Amino acid sequence: MHMRAKFTIAAVATAAMIGAAQAASWDMPTPYGDKTFHTVNIRAFAEDVKKASGGKLVINVHSAGSLIKHPEIKNAVRRGLVPIGEVLMSRLSNEDPVFAVDSIPFLATNYDAAKKLWAASRPVIEKKLAAQGLKLLYAVPWPPQGIYAKKELKSLADMKGLKMRAYNAATETLAKLAGAVPTQVEAPDIPTAFSTGRVEAMITSPSTGANSKAWDFVTFFHHTQAWLPKNMVVVNAKAFAKLPDDVQKAVLAAAKKAEERGWQMSMKETADKIAVLKANGMTIVTPTAELMNGLKEIGKKMTAEWAAKAGADGKAILDAYQK
């Protein structure tokens, strides 16, 4: 073989080895199925990263808890078992109440307010995650929570004595402060609980209402937008730091794009699922000022309780949000 040809082959082989060494493949566990808009958005994010990095980073999405179950995802990323993952932010509230800021009832009652609350809380959330060796990439909200009931609710007085489904401490407190009677009911048992009269109302998103065919057991959906809980995508800080500078920039650019796209997708999901409720005969109620004022007073009490638990960080978030 000609000497120049040998050098050319060697150079190509070396370049291929360098390319292989530079390329990285990341496994990404997510909790939700492929049809969930969060997962659709994450797959688009992964594709954006691949394109923007020129194939230097490939993110393999493992949806529906198929790789790691939801409760374990954050710690798996923190320990480096996987470099990246998605988690519901409020799931971490047992570690620090700051992570529950987006699930305080009636603190932020529409998408604009939720964006403002996210801008106020993001620096604190990033700091908390950084202390655990995690880097926040982006966050996207679920559709807002509304009240489903067998009758129209025009004020808090209409909620007095109402048997209301509760699924955690916050919804139980909310029901009690509204004068309702909280009843613990798991999601799969919702239809039976309504049909047997164990519950007469519940608070959940348009998505859950549509998926559980709420029209089979209630007539009214009150679009209260009680809170907009978010999912976060986080990355192991050490794994991120090992990426070349241009790949880091590609990931951050894709994350920014995913957050903007995800908020738009959430708004569309809300409108689409409310349309499904309406198409199946449910009455969509714009809450009265009297009802919302009463609910917001409850929100103030629950906000104060949260702030007392969250301390200085909680105060900083609320001060920034209420400016």
C-alpha atoms as a PDB file:
ATOM      1  CA  MET A   1       0.000   0.000   0.000  1.00  0.00           C
ATOM      2  CA  HIS A   2       1.212   3.513  -0.842  1.00  0.00           C
ATOM      3  CA  MET A   3       2.632   5.358   2.184  1.00  0.00           C
ATOM      4  CA  ARG A   4       0.306   8.378   1.639  1.00  0.00           C
ATOM      5  CA  ALA A   5      -2.718   6.061   1.511  1.00  0.00           C
ATOM      6  CA  LYS A   6      -1.637   4.469   4.803  1.00  0.00           C
ATOM      7  CA  PHE A   7      -1.419   7.907   6.425  1.00  0.00           C
ATOM      8  CA  THR A   8      -4.864   8.849   5.074  1.00  0.00           C
ATOM      9  CA  ILE A   9      -6.485   5.669   6.429  1.00  0.00           C
ATOM     10  CA  ALA A  10      -4.778   6.175   9.791  1.00  0.00           C
ATOM     11  CA  ALA A  11      -5.970   9.786   9.936  1.00  0.00           C
ATOM     12  CA  VAL A  12      -9.560   8.783   9.160  1.00  0.00           C
ATOM     13  CA  ALA A  13      -9.450   6.031  11.795  1.00  0.00           C
ATOM     14  CA  THR A  14      -8.037   8.425  14.368  1.00  0.00           C
ATOM     15  CA  ALA A  15     -10.719  11.033  13.581  1.00  0.00           C
ATOM     16  CA  ALA A  16     -13.405   8.373  13.955  1.00  0.00           C
ATOM     17  CA  MET A  17     -11.994   7.337  17.341  1.00  0.00           C
ATOM     18  CA  ILE A  18     -11.892  10.955  18.504  1.00  0.00           C
ATOM     19  CA  GLY A  19     -15.492  11.438  17.319  1.00  0.00           C
ATOM     20  CA  ALA A  20     -16.586   8.317  19.191  1.00  0.00           C
ATOM     21  CA  ALA A  21     -14.788   9.493  22.307  1.00  0.00           C
ATOM     22  CA  GLN A  22     -16.460  12.894  22.119  1.00  0.00           C
ATOM     23  CA  ALA A  23     -19.948  11.483  21.523  1.00  0.00           C
ATOM     24  CA  ALA A  24     -21.996  10.776  24.652  1.00  0.00           C
ATOM     25  CA  SER A  25     -25.172   8.804  25.176  1.00  0.00           C
ATOM     26  CA  TRP A  26     -27.411   9.655  28.118  1.00  0.00           C
ATOM     27  CA  ASP A  27     -30.311   7.587  29.449  1.00  0.00           C
ATOM     28  CA  MET A  28     -33.205   9.732  30.675  1.00  0.00           C
ATOM     29  CA  PRO A  29     -35.974   8.267  32.856  1.00  0.00           C
ATOM     30  CA  THR A  30     -39.370  10.021  32.877  1.00  0.00           C
ATOM     31  CA  PRO A  31     -42.476   9.117  34.914  1.00  0.00           C
ATOM     32  CA  TYR A  32     -45.205   9.595  32.312  1.00  0.00           C
ATOM     33  CA  GLY A  33     -46.395   7.794  29.178  1.00  0.00           C
ATOM     34  CA  ASP A  34     -45.565   8.729  25.596  1.00  0.00           C
ATOM     35  CA  LYS A  35     -48.918  10.443  24.966  1.00  0.00           C
ATOM     36  CA  THR A  36     -48.486  12.834  27.902  1.00  0.00           C
ATOM     37  CA  PHE A  37     -47.512  16.268  26.577  1.00  0.00           C
ATOM     38  CA  HIS A  38     -44.566  16.457  29.003  1.00  0.00           C
ATOM     39  CA  THR A  39     -43.055  13.350  27.406  1.00  0.00           C
ATOM     40  CA  VAL A  40     -43.750  14.618  23.879  1.00  0.00           C
ATOM     41  CA  ASN A  41     -41.901  17.814  24.834  1.00  0.00           C
ATOM     42  CA  ILE A  42     -38.968  15.880  26.314  1.00  0.00           C
ATOM     43  CA  ARG A  43     -38.567  13.825  23.143  1.00  0.00           C
ATOM     44  CA  ALA A  44     -38.480  17.080  21.152  1.00  0.00           C
ATOM     45  CA  PHE A  45     -35.869  18.398  23.626  1.00  0.00           C
ATOM     46  CA  ALA A  46     -33.729  15.280  23.084  1.00  0.00           C
ATOM     47  CA  GLU A  47     -33.971  15.732  19.314  1.00  0.00           C
ATOM     48  CA  ASP A  48     -32.997  19.407  19.635  1.00  0.00           C
ATOM     49  CA  VAL A  49     -29.948  18.457  21.722  1.00  0.00           C
ATOM     50  CA  LYS A  50     -28.856  15.866  19.151  1.00  0.00           C
ATOM     51  CA  LYS A  51     -29.170  18.343  16.284  1.00  0.00           C
ATOM     52  CA  ALA A  52     -27.609  21.318  18.070  1.00  0.00           C
ATOM     53  CA  SER A  53     -24.663  19.237  19.318  1.00  0.00           C
ATOM     54  CA  GLY A  54     -24.050  17.678  15.909  1.00  0.00           C
ATOM     55  CA  GLY A  55     -24.700  14.239  17.386  1.00  0.00           C
ATOM     56  CA  LYS A  56     -22.130  14.671  20.161  1.00  0.00           C
ATOM     57  CA  LEU A  57     -24.852  14.052  22.758  1.00  0.00           C
ATOM     58  CA  VAL A  58     -27.722  11.614  22.302  1.00  0.00           C
ATOM     59  CA  ILE A  59     -30.438  11.462  24.978  1.00  0.00           C
ATOM     60  CA  ASN A  60     -32.369   8.183  25.129  1.00  0.00           C
ATOM     61  CA  VAL A  61     -35.785   8.808  26.735  1.00  0.00           C
ATOM     62  CA  HIS A  62     -37.230   5.974  28.862  1.00  0.00           C
ATOM     63  CA  SER A  63     -40.864   6.939  29.486  1.00  0.00           C
ATOM     64  CA  ALA A  64     -43.586   5.739  31.880  1.00  0.00           C
ATOM     65  CA  GLY A  65     -41.182   4.784  34.667  1.00  0.00           C
ATOM     66  CA  SER A  66     -39.786   1.971  32.492  1.00  0.00           C
ATOM     67  CA  LEU A  67     -36.170   2.555  33.550  1.00  0.00           C
ATOM     68  CA  ILE A  68     -36.579   4.109  37.017  1.00  0.00           C
ATOM     69  CA  LYS A  69     -39.816   4.712  38.949  1.00  0.00           C
ATOM     70  CA  HIS A  70     -40.888   8.288  39.686  1.00  0.00           C
ATOM     71  CA  PRO A  71     -40.034   8.338  43.433  1.00  0.00           C
ATOM     72  CA  GLU A  72     -36.445   7.250  42.668  1.00  0.00           C
ATOM     73  CA  ILE A  73     -35.634   9.443  39.658  1.00  0.00           C
ATOM     74  CA  LYS A  74     -34.246  12.475  41.494  1.00  0.00           C
ATOM     75  CA  ASN A  75     -31.912  10.430  43.696  1.00  0.00           C
ATOM     76  CA  ALA A  76     -30.826   8.324  40.696  1.00  0.00           C
ATOM     77  CA  VAL A  77     -29.717  11.505  38.914  1.00  0.00           C
ATOM     78  CA  ARG A  78     -28.094  12.847  42.072  1.00  0.00           C
ATOM     79  CA  ARG A  79     -26.088   9.632  42.575  1.00  0.00           C
ATOM     80  CA  GLY A  80     -25.082   9.523  38.915  1.00  0.00           C
ATOM     81  CA  LEU A  81     -26.927   6.289  38.112  1.00  0.00           C
ATOM     82  CA  VAL A  82     -28.425   8.263  35.228  1.00  0.00           C
ATOM     83  CA  PRO A  83     -27.254  11.717  34.125  1.00  0.00           C
ATOM     84  CA  ILE A  84     -30.662  13.323  33.551  1.00  0.00           C
ATOM     85  CA  GLY A  85     -34.323  12.857  34.511  1.00  0.00           C
ATOM     86  CA  GLU A  86     -37.763  14.392  35.001  1.00  0.00           C
ATOM     87  CA  VAL A  87     -39.631  14.767  38.302  1.00  0.00           C
ATOM     88  CA  LEU A  88     -42.728  16.508  39.682  1.00  0.00           C
ATOM     89  CA  MET A  89     -41.270  19.416  41.672  1.00  0.00           C
ATOM     90  CA  SER A  90     -43.663  19.168  44.626  1.00  0.00           C
ATOM     91  CA  ARG A  91     -42.592  15.532  45.131  1.00  0.00           C
ATOM     92  CA  LEU A  92     -39.475  16.964  46.766  1.00  0.00           C
ATOM     93  CA  SER A  93     -41.421  19.024  49.323  1.00  0.00           C
ATOM     94  CA  ASN A  94     -40.687  16.476  52.061  1.00  0.00           C
ATOM     95  CA  GLU A  95     -37.008  17.463  51.652  1.00  0.00           C
ATOM     96  CA  ASP A  96     -37.685  21.201  51.649  1.00  0.00           C
ATOM     97  CA  PRO A  97     -41.011  23.118  51.623  1.00  0.00           C
ATOM     98  CA  VAL A  98     -39.619  25.457  48.945  1.00  0.00           C
ATOM     99  CA  PHE A  99     -40.311  22.721  46.382  1.00  0.00           C
ATOM    100  CA  ALA A 100     -44.049  22.974  47.159  1.00  0.00           C
ATOM    101  CA  VAL A 101     -44.300  26.646  46.162  1.00  0.00           C
ATOM    102  CA  ASP A 102     -46.121  25.880  42.911  1.00  0.00           C
ATOM    103  CA  SER A 103     -48.718  23.755  44.721  1.00  0.00           C
ATOM    104  CA  ILE A 104     -49.955  26.329  47.224  1.00  0.00           C
ATOM    105  CA  PRO A 105     -53.694  26.694  46.514  1.00  0.00           C
ATOM    106  CA  PHE A 106     -54.773  30.024  45.019  1.00  0.00           C
ATOM    107  CA  LEU A 107     -51.366  31.702  45.198  1.00  0.00           C
ATOM    108  CA  ALA A 108     -50.996  31.768  41.396  1.00  0.00           C
ATOM    109  CA  THR A 109     -54.358  31.333  39.649  1.00  0.00           C
ATOM    110  CA  ASN A 110     -53.516  31.573  35.944  1.00  0.00           C
ATOM    111  CA  TYR A 111     -50.597  30.968  33.561  1.00  0.00           C
ATOM    112  CA  ASP A 112     -49.322  34.557  33.742  1.00  0.00           C
ATOM    113  CA  ALA A 113     -49.249  34.441  37.548  1.00  0.00           C
ATOM    114  CA  ALA A 114     -47.643  30.985  37.447  1.00  0.00           C
ATOM    115  CA  LYS A 115     -44.891  32.343  35.179  1.00  0.00           C
ATOM    116  CA  LYS A 116     -44.287  35.222  37.562  1.00  0.00           C
ATOM    117  CA  LEU A 117     -44.150  32.809  40.518  1.00  0.00           C
ATOM    118  CA  TRP A 118     -41.692  30.609  38.609  1.00  0.00           C
ATOM    119  CA  ALA A 119     -39.453  33.610  37.861  1.00  0.00           C
ATOM    120  CA  ALA A 120     -39.517  34.502  41.575  1.00  0.00           C
ATOM    121  CA  SER A 121     -38.835  30.973  42.810  1.00  0.00           C
ATOM    122  CA  ARG A 122     -36.426  29.666  40.171  1.00  0.00           C
ATOM    123  CA  PRO A 123     -33.212  31.132  41.683  1.00  0.00           C
ATOM    124  CA  VAL A 124     -34.015  29.543  45.060  1.00  0.00           C
ATOM    125  CA  ILE A 125     -34.944  26.213  43.452  1.00  0.00           C
ATOM    126  CA  GLU A 126     -31.707  26.243  41.437  1.00  0.00           C
ATOM    127  CA  LYS A 127     -29.700  26.937  44.597  1.00  0.00           C
ATOM    128  CA  LYS A 128     -31.393  24.074  46.485  1.00  0.00           C
ATOM    129  CA  LEU A 129     -30.750  21.653  43.637  1.00  0.00           C
ATOM    130  CA  ALA A 130     -27.143  22.812  43.188  1.00  0.00           C
ATOM    131  CA  ALA A 131     -26.478  21.972  46.851  1.00  0.00           C
ATOM    132  CA  GLN A 132     -27.406  18.384  45.955  1.00  0.00           C
ATOM    133  CA  GLY A 133     -25.178  18.261  42.877  1.00  0.00           C
ATOM    134  CA  LEU A 134     -28.059  18.852  40.480  1.00  0.00           C
ATOM    135  CA  LYS A 135     -28.537  21.437  37.740  1.00  0.00           C
ATOM    136  CA  LEU A 136     -32.011  22.601  36.746  1.00  0.00           C
ATOM    137  CA  LEU A 137     -32.552  22.661  32.985  1.00  0.00           C
ATOM    138  CA  TYR A 138     -36.207  23.648  32.704  1.00  0.00           C
ATOM    139  CA  ALA A 139     -39.700  23.302  34.189  1.00  0.00           C
ATOM    140  CA  VAL A 140     -43.170  23.028  32.620  1.00  0.00           C
ATOM    141  CA  PRO A 141     -46.558  23.223  34.389  1.00  0.00           C
ATOM    142  CA  TRP A 142     -49.450  20.802  34.311  1.00  0.00           C
ATOM    143  CA  PRO A 143     -52.888  22.232  33.464  1.00  0.00           C
ATOM    144  CA  PRO A 144     -54.402  24.189  36.383  1.00  0.00           C
ATOM    145  CA  GLN A 145     -56.593  22.567  39.015  1.00  0.00           C
ATOM    146  CA  GLY A 146     -60.357  23.137  38.953  1.00  0.00           C
ATOM    147  CA  ILE A 147     -63.306  22.069  41.087  1.00  0.00           C
ATOM    148  CA  TYR A 148     -65.648  19.338  39.853  1.00  0.00           C
ATOM    149  CA  ALA A 149     -69.040  19.143  41.557  1.00  0.00           C
ATOM    150  CA  LYS A 150     -72.565  17.824  41.154  1.00  0.00           C
ATOM    151  CA  LYS A 151     -73.934  21.334  41.672  1.00  0.00           C
ATOM    152  CA  GLU A 152     -72.760  24.821  40.729  1.00  0.00           C
ATOM    153  CA  LEU A 153     -70.745  26.523  43.467  1.00  0.00           C
ATOM    154  CA  LYS A 154     -71.276  30.278  43.634  1.00  0.00           C
ATOM    155  CA  SER A 155     -69.620  30.960  47.000  1.00  0.00           C
ATOM    156  CA  LEU A 156     -67.876  29.210  49.871  1.00  0.00           C
ATOM    157  CA  ALA A 157     -71.287  28.816  51.481  1.00  0.00           C
ATOM    158  CA  ASP A 158     -72.148  26.337  48.714  1.00  0.00           C
ATOM    159  CA  MET A 159     -69.157  24.212  49.730  1.00  0.00           C
ATOM    160  CA  LYS A 160     -70.188  23.930  53.377  1.00  0.00           C
ATOM    161  CA  GLY A 161     -70.766  20.291  54.322  1.00  0.00           C
ATOM    162  CA  LEU A 162     -69.876  19.099  50.808  1.00  0.00           C
ATOM    163  CA  LYS A 163     -68.115  15.732  50.801  1.00  0.00           C
ATOM    164  CA  MET A 164     -64.911  16.544  48.926  1.00  0.00           C
ATOM    165  CA  ARG A 165     -62.256  14.156  47.677  1.00  0.00           C
ATOM    166  CA  ALA A 166     -58.829  14.720  49.246  1.00  0.00           C
ATOM    167  CA  TYR A 167     -55.619  13.012  48.100  1.00  0.00           C
ATOM    168  CA  ASN A 168     -52.940  14.735  50.195  1.00  0.00           C
ATOM    169  CA  ALA A 169     -52.494  17.038  53.203  1.00  0.00           C
ATOM    170  CA  ALA A 170     -52.956  20.225  51.154  1.00  0.00           C
ATOM    171  CA  THR A 171     -56.274  19.184  49.600  1.00  0.00           C
ATOM    172  CA  GLU A 172     -57.501  18.010  53.009  1.00  0.00           C
ATOM    173  CA  THR A 173     -56.624  21.395  54.556  1.00  0.00           C
ATOM    174  CA  LEU A 174     -58.232  23.214  51.637  1.00  0.00           C
ATOM    175  CA  ALA A 175     -61.476  21.248  52.028  1.00  0.00           C
ATOM    176  CA  LYS A 176     -61.620  21.895  55.781  1.00  0.00           C
ATOM    177  CA  LEU A 177     -60.996  25.629  55.421  1.00  0.00           C
ATOM    178  CA  ALA A 178     -63.754  25.780  52.765  1.00  0.00           C
ATOM    179  CA  GLY A 179     -66.192  24.148  55.180  1.00  0.00           C
ATOM    180  CA  ALA A 180     -66.286  20.911  53.177  1.00  0.00           C
ATOM    181  CA  VAL A 181     -65.789  17.412  54.562  1.00  0.00           C
ATOM    182  CA  PRO A 182     -62.542  15.883  53.210  1.00  0.00           C
ATOM    183  CA  THR A 183     -62.616  12.208  52.221  1.00  0.00           C
ATOM    184  CA  GLN A 184     -59.469  10.357  51.184  1.00  0.00           C
ATOM    185  CA  VAL A 185     -60.048   8.704  47.798  1.00  0.00           C
ATOM    186  CA  GLU A 186     -57.369   7.351  45.444  1.00  0.00           C
ATOM    187  CA  ALA A 187     -57.632   8.148  41.722  1.00  0.00           C
ATOM    188  CA  PRO A 188     -58.786   4.669  40.589  1.00  0.00           C
ATOM    189  CA  ASP A 189     -61.652   4.803  43.122  1.00  0.00           C
ATOM    190  CA  ILE A 190     -63.035   8.200  42.030  1.00  0.00           C
ATOM    191  CA  PRO A 191     -65.979   6.924  39.926  1.00  0.00           C
ATOM    192  CA  THR A 192     -67.124   4.496  42.629  1.00  0.00           C
ATOM    193  CA  ALA A 193     -66.776   7.125  45.366  1.00  0.00           C
ATOM    194  CA  PHE A 194     -69.038   9.509  43.430  1.00  0.00           C
ATOM    195  CA  SER A 195     -71.590   6.848  42.436  1.00  0.00           C
ATOM    196  CA  THR A 196     -71.955   5.654  46.037  1.00  0.00           C
ATOM    197  CA  GLY A 197     -72.171   9.195  47.445  1.00  0.00           C
ATOM    198  CA  ARG A 198     -68.900   9.042  49.399  1.00  0.00           C
ATOM    199  CA  VAL A 199     -67.832  12.246  47.655  1.00  0.00           C
ATOM    200  CA  GLU A 200     -69.696  15.029  45.850  1.00  0.00           C
ATOM    201  CA  ALA A 201     -66.805  17.186  44.649  1.00  0.00           C
ATOM    202  CA  MET A 202     -63.096  17.045  43.832  1.00  0.00           C
ATOM    203  CA  ILE A 203     -60.308  19.354  42.744  1.00  0.00           C
ATOM    204  CA  THR A 204     -58.052  18.239  39.892  1.00  0.00           C
ATOM    205  CA  SER A 205     -56.944  19.208  36.381  1.00  0.00           C
ATOM    206  CA  PRO A 206     -58.987  19.164  33.159  1.00  0.00           C
ATOM    207  CA  SER A 207     -56.672  16.349  31.997  1.00  0.00           C
ATOM    208  CA  THR A 208     -57.528  14.085  34.944  1.00  0.00           C
ATOM    209  CA  GLY A 209     -61.198  14.967  34.607  1.00  0.00           C
ATOM    210  CA  ALA A 210     -61.243  14.043  30.918  1.00  0.00           C
ATOM    211  CA  ASN A 211     -59.197  10.882  31.456  1.00  0.00           C
ATOM    212  CA  SER A 212     -61.491   9.693  34.276  1.00  0.00           C
ATOM    213  CA  LYS A 213     -64.654  10.586  32.290  1.00  0.00           C
ATOM    214  CA  ALA A 214     -65.857  12.931  35.023  1.00  0.00           C
ATOM    215  CA  TRP A 215     -69.083  13.579  33.077  1.00  0.00           C
ATOM    216  CA  ASP A 216     -70.275  10.138  34.200  1.00  0.00           C
ATOM    217  CA  PHE A 217     -70.579  11.351  37.800  1.00  0.00           C
ATOM    218  CA  VAL A 218     -70.503  15.187  37.959  1.00  0.00           C
ATOM    219  CA  THR A 219     -72.083  18.001  35.961  1.00  0.00           C
ATOM    220  CA  PHE A 220     -70.024  21.127  36.706  1.00  0.00           C
ATOM    221  CA  PHE A 221     -66.363  22.031  36.214  1.00  0.00           C
ATOM    222  CA  HIS A 222     -65.333  25.312  37.890  1.00  0.00           C
ATOM    223  CA  HIS A 223     -62.228  26.677  36.150  1.00  0.00           C
ATOM    224  CA  THR A 224     -60.642  28.028  39.352  1.00  0.00           C
ATOM    225  CA  GLN A 225     -57.000  27.458  38.264  1.00  0.00           C
ATOM    226  CA  ALA A 226     -56.204  26.741  41.900  1.00  0.00           C
ATOM    227  CA  TRP A 227     -52.552  25.928  41.260  1.00  0.00           C
ATOM    228  CA  LEU A 228     -50.295  24.863  38.389  1.00  0.00           C
ATOM    229  CA  PRO A 229     -47.844  22.196  39.578  1.00  0.00           C
ATOM    230  CA  LYS A 230     -44.672  21.790  37.516  1.00  0.00           C
ATOM    231  CA  ASN A 231     -42.405  19.021  36.291  1.00  0.00           C
ATOM    232  CA  MET A 232     -38.659  19.720  36.338  1.00  0.00           C
ATOM    233  CA  VAL A 233     -35.901  18.308  34.156  1.00  0.00           C
ATOM    234  CA  VAL A 234     -32.655  18.084  36.120  1.00  0.00           C
ATOM    235  CA  VAL A 235     -29.161  16.939  35.222  1.00  0.00           C
ATOM    236  CA  ASN A 236     -26.272  15.643  37.320  1.00  0.00           C
ATOM    237  CA  ALA A 237     -23.967  18.669  37.654  1.00  0.00           C
ATOM    238  CA  LYS A 238     -20.760  16.620  37.292  1.00  0.00           C
ATOM    239  CA  ALA A 239     -22.067  14.880  34.167  1.00  0.00           C
ATOM    240  CA  PHE A 240     -23.000  18.243  32.682  1.00  0.00           C
ATOM    241  CA  ALA A 241     -19.577  19.725  33.526  1.00  0.00           C
ATOM    242  CA  LYS A 242     -17.863  16.876  31.636  1.00  0.00           C
ATOM    243  CA  LEU A 243     -19.574  17.874  28.387  1.00  0.00           C
ATOM    244  CA  PRO A 244     -17.555  20.039  25.962  1.00  0.00           C
ATOM    245  CA  ASP A 245     -18.455  23.742  26.093  1.00  0.00           C
ATOM    246  CA  ASP A 246     -20.286  23.671  22.759  1.00  0.00           C
ATOM    247  CA  VAL A 247     -22.419  20.699  23.880  1.00  0.00           C
ATOM    248  CA  GLN A 248     -23.232  22.412  27.175  1.00  0.00           C
ATOM    249  CA  LYS A 249     -24.443  25.419  25.195  1.00  0.00           C
ATOM    250  CA  ALA A 250     -26.507  23.133  22.953  1.00  0.00           C
ATOM    251  CA  VAL A 251     -28.189  21.539  25.997  1.00  0.00           C
ATOM    252  CA  LEU A 252     -28.977  24.912  27.604  1.00  0.00           C
ATOM    253  CA  ALA A 253     -30.363  26.304  24.344  1.00  0.00           C
ATOM    254  CA  ALA A 254     -32.544  23.218  23.871  1.00  0.00           C
ATOM    255  CA  ALA A 255     -33.725  23.482  27.493  1.00  0.00           C
ATOM    256  CA  LYS A 256     -34.754  27.110  27.030  1.00  0.00           C
ATOM    257  CA  LYS A 257     -36.664  26.146  23.900  1.00  0.00           C
ATOM    258  CA  ALA A 258     -38.302  23.178  25.690  1.00  0.00           C
ATOM    259  CA  GLU A 259     -39.505  25.381  28.552  1.00  0.00           C
ATOM    260  CA  GLU A 260     -41.087  27.896  26.184  1.00  0.00           C
ATOM    261  CA  ARG A 261     -42.651  25.149  24.059  1.00  0.00           C
ATOM    262  CA  GLY A 262     -43.818  23.210  27.132  1.00  0.00           C
ATOM    263  CA  TRP A 263     -45.744  26.151  28.589  1.00  0.00           C
ATOM    264  CA  GLN A 264     -47.515  26.596  25.257  1.00  0.00           C
ATOM    265  CA  MET A 265     -48.302  22.862  25.157  1.00  0.00           C
ATOM    266  CA  SER A 266     -49.714  23.031  28.695  1.00  0.00           C
ATOM    267  CA  MET A 267     -52.030  25.885  27.727  1.00  0.00           C
ATOM    268  CA  LYS A 268     -53.209  23.964  24.661  1.00  0.00           C
ATOM    269  CA  GLU A 269     -53.738  20.834  26.788  1.00  0.00           C
ATOM    270  CA  THR A 270     -55.917  22.856  29.166  1.00  0.00           C
ATOM    271  CA  ALA A 271     -58.072  24.230  26.349  1.00  0.00           C
ATOM    272  CA  ASP A 272     -58.305  20.856  24.598  1.00  0.00           C
ATOM    273  CA  LYS A 273     -59.329  18.926  27.705  1.00  0.00           C
ATOM    274  CA  ILE A 274     -61.879  21.542  28.781  1.00  0.00           C
ATOM    275  CA  ALA A 275     -63.339  21.179  25.284  1.00  0.00           C
ATOM    276  CA  VAL A 276     -63.577  17.403  25.861  1.00  0.00           C
ATOM    277  CA  LEU A 277     -65.434  17.973  29.154  1.00  0.00           C
ATOM    278  CA  LYS A 278     -67.827  20.372  27.420  1.00  0.00           C
ATOM    279  CA  ALA A 279     -68.352  18.046  24.441  1.00  0.00           C
ATOM    280  CA  ASN A 280     -69.441  15.341  26.860  1.00  0.00           C
ATOM    281  CA  GLY A 281     -72.143  17.501  28.412  1.00  0.00           C
ATOM    282  CA  MET A 282     -70.363  19.116  31.348  1.00  0.00           C
ATOM    283  CA  THR A 283     -71.064  22.740  32.237  1.00  0.00           C
ATOM    284  CA  ILE A 284     -67.847  24.788  32.311  1.00  0.00           C
ATOM    285  CA  VAL A 285     -68.204  27.460  34.980  1.00  0.00           C
ATOM    286  CA  THR A 286     -66.222  30.680  35.179  1.00  0.00           C
ATOM    287  CA  PRO A 287     -66.062  31.078  38.976  1.00  0.00           C
ATOM    288  CA  THR A 288     -67.933  34.003  40.528  1.00  0.00           C
ATOM    289  CA  ALA A 289     -65.930  36.787  42.145  1.00  0.00           C
ATOM    290  CA  GLU A 290     -67.497  35.787  45.470  1.00  0.00           C
ATOM    291  CA  LEU A 291     -66.290  32.192  45.175  1.00  0.00           C
ATOM    292  CA  MET A 292     -62.795  33.208  44.044  1.00  0.00           C
ATOM    293  CA  ASN A 293     -62.456  35.815  46.792  1.00  0.00           C
ATOM    294  CA  GLY A 294     -63.367  33.196  49.376  1.00  0.00           C
ATOM    295  CA  LEU A 295     -60.947  30.661  47.921  1.00  0.00           C
ATOM    296  CA  LYS A 296     -58.160  33.236  47.722  1.00  0.00           C
ATOM    297  CA  GLU A 297     -58.625  34.004  51.437  1.00  0.00           C
ATOM    298  CA  ILE A 298     -58.060  30.301  52.087  1.00  0.00           C
ATOM    299  CA  GLY A 299     -55.018  30.536  49.821  1.00  0.00           C
ATOM    300  CA  LYS A 300     -53.638  33.379  51.942  1.00  0.00           C
ATOM    301  CA  LYS A 301     -53.888  31.237  55.088  1.00  0.00           C
ATOM    302  CA  MET A 302     -52.184  28.301  53.385  1.00  0.00           C
ATOM    303  CA  THR A 303     -49.527  30.604  51.911  1.00  0.00           C
ATOM    304  CA  ALA A 304     -48.763  31.941  55.389  1.00  0.00           C
ATOM    305  CA  GLU A 305     -48.441  28.385  56.723  1.00  0.00           C
ATOM    306  CA  TRP A 306     -46.076  27.500  53.868  1.00  0.00           C
ATOM    307  CA  ALA A 307     -44.012  30.665  54.396  1.00  0.00           C
ATOM    308  CA  ALA A 308     -43.574  29.832  58.087  1.00  0.00           C
ATOM    309  CA  LYS A 309     -42.161  26.412  57.103  1.00  0.00           C
ATOM    310  CA  ALA A 310     -40.031  27.738  54.230  1.00  0.00           C
ATOM    311  CA  GLY A 311     -38.375  30.462  56.329  1.00  0.00           C
ATOM    312  CA  ALA A 312     -36.104  33.053  54.701  1.00  0.00           C
ATOM    313  CA  ASP A 313     -36.224  31.335  51.319  1.00  0.00           C
ATOM    314  CA  GLY A 314     -40.012  31.377  51.360  1.00  0.00           C
ATOM    315  CA  LYS A 315     -40.060  35.051  52.295  1.00  0.00           C
ATOM    316  CA  ALA A 316     -37.640  35.907  49.479  1.00  0.00           C
ATOM    317  CA  ILE A 317     -39.839  34.093  46.936  1.00  0.00           C
ATOM    318  CA  LEU A 318     -43.065  35.748  48.108  1.00  0.00           C
ATOM    319  CA  ASP A 319     -41.448  39.203  48.237  1.00  0.00           C
ATOM    320  CA  ALA A 320     -40.218  38.796  44.651  1.00  0.00           C
ATOM    321  CA  TYR A 321     -43.563  37.401  43.465  1.00  0.00           C
ATOM    322  CA  GLN A 322     -45.685  40.094  45.117  1.00  0.00           C
ATOM    323  CA  LYS A 323     -43.643  43.054  43.807  1.00  0.00           C
END
